Amino acid sequence: MATIFSRIVAGEIPSYKVAENDKFYAFLDINPLAKGHTLVIPKREVDYFFDLTDEEIGEMQIFAKQVAEAIKKAFPCIKVGQAVLGLEVPHAHIHLVPMQSERDMLFSNPKLKLTAEEFAEIAEKISKEIVCRN
């Protein structure tokens, strides 16, 4: 059975897309730690991040870097933090979270409650800042 993330990539479940290419998809986390909290996933369904090929990990990091740069422009912050956890959904993914301090990356923090309109505005704001390089 396809993971929820594979179903998002297939368009079966809606998402707030930030960026996409032929191998990777970035969309807003629906339980964000901060405005701009984005997930980056490979389109190929792989449970464990380190089961991706070396080439895929490198390409995914480059894609994630482009998304992180756009997040930082859209939501000024000190840095965009990166976390690879992978226990909640069996599909490799990277969390990108705008940070003012390391506390902003604590996944035990309360999650933001945003409206559909707010999510759409955030996704559009980040998408406008994406600069994809090959």
C-alpha atoms as a PDB file:
ATOM      1  CA  MET A   1       0.000   0.000   0.000  1.00  0.00           C
ATOM      2  CA  ALA A   2       1.305   3.437  -0.938  1.00  0.00           C
ATOM      3  CA  THR A   3       2.398   5.774   1.841  1.00  0.00           C
ATOM      4  CA  ILE A   4       0.518   8.986   2.475  1.00  0.00           C
ATOM      5  CA  PHE A   5       3.444  10.825   0.864  1.00  0.00           C
ATOM      6  CA  SER A   6       3.271   8.686  -2.297  1.00  0.00           C
ATOM      7  CA  ARG A   7      -0.441   9.439  -2.448  1.00  0.00           C
ATOM      8  CA  ILE A   8       0.336  13.164  -2.141  1.00  0.00           C
ATOM      9  CA  VAL A   9       2.829  12.944  -5.035  1.00  0.00           C
ATOM     10  CA  ALA A  10       0.224  11.055  -7.105  1.00  0.00           C
ATOM     11  CA  GLY A  11      -2.309  13.827  -6.441  1.00  0.00           C
ATOM     12  CA  GLU A  12      -4.658  11.500  -4.542  1.00  0.00           C
ATOM     13  CA  ILE A  13      -4.302  13.616  -1.382  1.00  0.00           C
ATOM     14  CA  PRO A  14      -4.047  17.404  -1.581  1.00  0.00           C
ATOM     15  CA  SER A  15      -0.955  19.246  -0.382  1.00  0.00           C
ATOM     16  CA  TYR A  16       0.469  22.729  -0.317  1.00  0.00           C
ATOM     17  CA  LYS A  17       3.207  22.277  -2.908  1.00  0.00           C
ATOM     18  CA  VAL A  18       6.276  24.472  -2.642  1.00  0.00           C
ATOM     19  CA  ALA A  19       8.516  22.923  -5.329  1.00  0.00           C
ATOM     20  CA  GLU A  20       8.803  19.861  -7.522  1.00  0.00           C
ATOM     21  CA  ASN A  21      11.081  18.295 -10.087  1.00  0.00           C
ATOM     22  CA  ASP A  22      11.170  14.875 -11.719  1.00  0.00           C
ATOM     23  CA  LYS A  23      12.624  13.170  -8.595  1.00  0.00           C
ATOM     24  CA  PHE A  24      11.582  15.223  -5.555  1.00  0.00           C
ATOM     25  CA  TYR A  25       8.568  17.008  -4.119  1.00  0.00           C
ATOM     26  CA  ALA A  26       8.435  19.704  -1.427  1.00  0.00           C
ATOM     27  CA  PHE A  27       5.257  20.639   0.422  1.00  0.00           C
ATOM     28  CA  LEU A  28       4.209  22.291   3.660  1.00  0.00           C
ATOM     29  CA  ASP A  29       3.998  20.208   6.809  1.00  0.00           C
ATOM     30  CA  ILE A  30       0.343  20.307   7.934  1.00  0.00           C
ATOM     31  CA  ASN A  31       1.473  20.270  11.581  1.00  0.00           C
ATOM     32  CA  PRO A  32       4.159  22.952  11.351  1.00  0.00           C
ATOM     33  CA  LEU A  33       6.597  24.031  14.025  1.00  0.00           C
ATOM     34  CA  ALA A  34       6.849  27.432  12.289  1.00  0.00           C
ATOM     35  CA  LYS A  35       5.439  29.197   9.250  1.00  0.00           C
ATOM     36  CA  GLY A  36       7.385  27.795   6.311  1.00  0.00           C
ATOM     37  CA  HIS A  37       7.986  24.306   7.819  1.00  0.00           C
ATOM     38  CA  THR A  38       8.380  22.220   4.675  1.00  0.00           C
ATOM     39  CA  LEU A  39       8.874  18.538   3.908  1.00  0.00           C
ATOM     40  CA  VAL A  40      11.111  17.360   1.066  1.00  0.00           C
ATOM     41  CA  ILE A  41      10.520  13.829  -0.189  1.00  0.00           C
ATOM     42  CA  PRO A  42      11.767  11.617  -2.980  1.00  0.00           C
ATOM     43  CA  LYS A  43       9.028  10.670  -5.406  1.00  0.00           C
ATOM     44  CA  ARG A  44      10.367   7.129  -5.301  1.00  0.00           C
ATOM     45  CA  GLU A  45       8.917   5.462  -2.225  1.00  0.00           C
ATOM     46  CA  VAL A  46      11.763   4.546   0.132  1.00  0.00           C
ATOM     47  CA  ASP A  47      11.157   4.068   3.863  1.00  0.00           C
ATOM     48  CA  TYR A  48      14.590   4.812   5.315  1.00  0.00           C
ATOM     49  CA  PHE A  49      16.545   7.888   4.240  1.00  0.00           C
ATOM     50  CA  PHE A  50      19.834   5.952   4.163  1.00  0.00           C
ATOM     51  CA  ASP A  51      18.334   3.345   1.837  1.00  0.00           C
ATOM     52  CA  LEU A  52      18.356   5.998  -0.883  1.00  0.00           C
ATOM     53  CA  THR A  53      21.286   5.691  -3.262  1.00  0.00           C
ATOM     54  CA  ASP A  54      24.256   7.993  -2.708  1.00  0.00           C
ATOM     55  CA  GLU A  55      23.279   9.853  -5.873  1.00  0.00           C
ATOM     56  CA  GLU A  56      19.682  10.289  -4.665  1.00  0.00           C
ATOM     57  CA  ILE A  57      20.828  11.595  -1.273  1.00  0.00           C
ATOM     58  CA  GLY A  58      23.098  14.132  -2.982  1.00  0.00           C
ATOM     59  CA  GLU A  59      20.385  15.253  -5.393  1.00  0.00           C
ATOM     60  CA  MET A  60      17.804  15.422  -2.598  1.00  0.00           C
ATOM     61  CA  GLN A  61      20.114  17.592  -0.484  1.00  0.00           C
ATOM     62  CA  ILE A  62      20.673  19.969  -3.408  1.00  0.00           C
ATOM     63  CA  PHE A  63      16.911  20.177  -3.980  1.00  0.00           C
ATOM     64  CA  ALA A  64      16.374  20.719  -0.227  1.00  0.00           C
ATOM     65  CA  LYS A  65      19.020  23.468  -0.247  1.00  0.00           C
ATOM     66  CA  GLN A  66      17.139  25.320  -2.991  1.00  0.00           C
ATOM     67  CA  VAL A  67      13.917  25.034  -0.977  1.00  0.00           C
ATOM     68  CA  ALA A  68      15.685  26.137   2.225  1.00  0.00           C
ATOM     69  CA  GLU A  69      17.076  29.215   0.473  1.00  0.00           C
ATOM     70  CA  ALA A  70      13.555  30.101  -0.668  1.00  0.00           C
ATOM     71  CA  ILE A  71      12.160  29.567   2.844  1.00  0.00           C
ATOM     72  CA  LYS A  72      14.820  31.871   4.289  1.00  0.00           C
ATOM     73  CA  LYS A  73      13.908  34.605   1.791  1.00  0.00           C
ATOM     74  CA  ALA A  74      10.168  34.181   2.342  1.00  0.00           C
ATOM     75  CA  PHE A  75      10.410  33.928   6.146  1.00  0.00           C
ATOM     76  CA  PRO A  76      13.531  35.758   7.343  1.00  0.00           C
ATOM     77  CA  CYS A  77      15.246  33.690  10.000  1.00  0.00           C
ATOM     78  CA  ILE A  78      18.723  33.054  11.331  1.00  0.00           C
ATOM     79  CA  LYS A  79      18.918  29.647   9.640  1.00  0.00           C
ATOM     80  CA  VAL A  80      16.696  26.964   8.180  1.00  0.00           C
ATOM     81  CA  GLY A  81      17.129  23.831  10.258  1.00  0.00           C
ATOM     82  CA  GLN A  82      17.094  20.363   8.756  1.00  0.00           C
ATOM     83  CA  ALA A  83      15.937  17.166  10.433  1.00  0.00           C
ATOM     84  CA  VAL A  84      15.649  13.621   9.160  1.00  0.00           C
ATOM     85  CA  LEU A  85      13.490  11.642  11.548  1.00  0.00           C
ATOM     86  CA  GLY A  86      11.348   9.271   9.530  1.00  0.00           C
ATOM     87  CA  LEU A  87       9.432   7.346  12.165  1.00  0.00           C
ATOM     88  CA  GLU A  88       6.024   8.937  11.701  1.00  0.00           C
ATOM     89  CA  VAL A  89       5.669   8.168   7.960  1.00  0.00           C
ATOM     90  CA  PRO A  90       7.470   5.234   6.303  1.00  0.00           C
ATOM     91  CA  HIS A  91       8.732   7.393   3.432  1.00  0.00           C
ATOM     92  CA  ALA A  92      12.116   9.145   3.530  1.00  0.00           C
ATOM     93  CA  HIS A  93      11.757  12.867   4.143  1.00  0.00           C
ATOM     94  CA  ILE A  94      13.601  15.958   5.278  1.00  0.00           C
ATOM     95  CA  HIS A  95      12.018  18.587   7.524  1.00  0.00           C
ATOM     96  CA  LEU A  96      13.071  22.179   6.776  1.00  0.00           C
ATOM     97  CA  VAL A  97      12.164  24.596   9.575  1.00  0.00           C
ATOM     98  CA  PRO A  98      12.882  28.345   9.767  1.00  0.00           C
ATOM     99  CA  MET A  99      14.779  28.939  13.030  1.00  0.00           C
ATOM    100  CA  GLN A 100      15.465  31.870  15.287  1.00  0.00           C
ATOM    101  CA  SER A 101      16.938  29.504  17.914  1.00  0.00           C
ATOM    102  CA  GLU A 102      17.628  25.790  18.280  1.00  0.00           C
ATOM    103  CA  ARG A 103      14.462  25.493  20.377  1.00  0.00           C
ATOM    104  CA  ASP A 104      12.491  26.052  17.173  1.00  0.00           C
ATOM    105  CA  MET A 105      13.512  22.548  16.055  1.00  0.00           C
ATOM    106  CA  LEU A 106      12.021  20.738  19.062  1.00  0.00           C
ATOM    107  CA  PHE A 107       9.349  18.486  17.636  1.00  0.00           C
ATOM    108  CA  SER A 108       7.715  18.361  21.074  1.00  0.00           C
ATOM    109  CA  ASN A 109       6.846  22.075  20.715  1.00  0.00           C
ATOM    110  CA  PRO A 110       3.195  22.940  20.123  1.00  0.00           C
ATOM    111  CA  LYS A 111       2.312  22.916  16.433  1.00  0.00           C
ATOM    112  CA  LEU A 112       0.851  25.959  14.703  1.00  0.00           C
ATOM    113  CA  LYS A 113      -2.834  25.910  13.813  1.00  0.00           C
ATOM    114  CA  LEU A 114      -3.188  27.522  10.394  1.00  0.00           C
ATOM    115  CA  THR A 115      -6.145  27.966   8.066  1.00  0.00           C
ATOM    116  CA  ALA A 116      -6.221  26.635   4.516  1.00  0.00           C
ATOM    117  CA  GLU A 117      -5.819  30.210   3.315  1.00  0.00           C
ATOM    118  CA  GLU A 118      -2.732  30.714   5.477  1.00  0.00           C
ATOM    119  CA  PHE A 119      -1.169  27.475   4.197  1.00  0.00           C
ATOM    120  CA  ALA A 120      -1.862  28.512   0.593  1.00  0.00           C
ATOM    121  CA  GLU A 121      -0.297  31.959   1.177  1.00  0.00           C
ATOM    122  CA  ILE A 122       2.796  30.427   2.796  1.00  0.00           C
ATOM    123  CA  ALA A 123       3.261  27.907  -0.040  1.00  0.00           C
ATOM    124  CA  GLU A 124       2.905  30.632  -2.655  1.00  0.00           C
ATOM    125  CA  LYS A 125       5.324  32.923  -0.816  1.00  0.00           C
ATOM    126  CA  ILE A 126       8.010  30.205  -0.735  1.00  0.00           C
ATOM    127  CA  SER A 127       7.308  29.030  -4.309  1.00  0.00           C
ATOM    128  CA  LYS A 128       7.929  32.548  -5.636  1.00  0.00           C
ATOM    129  CA  GLU A 129      11.432  32.458  -4.127  1.00  0.00           C
ATOM    130  CA  ILE A 130      12.496  29.097  -5.596  1.00  0.00           C
ATOM    131  CA  VAL A 131      15.536  29.266  -7.842  1.00  0.00           C
ATOM    132  CA  CYS A 132      16.219  25.827  -9.307  1.00  0.00           C
ATOM    133  CA  ARG A 133      19.710  25.149 -10.537  1.00  0.00           C
ATOM    134  CA  ASN A 134      20.820  22.087 -12.457  1.00  0.00           C
END
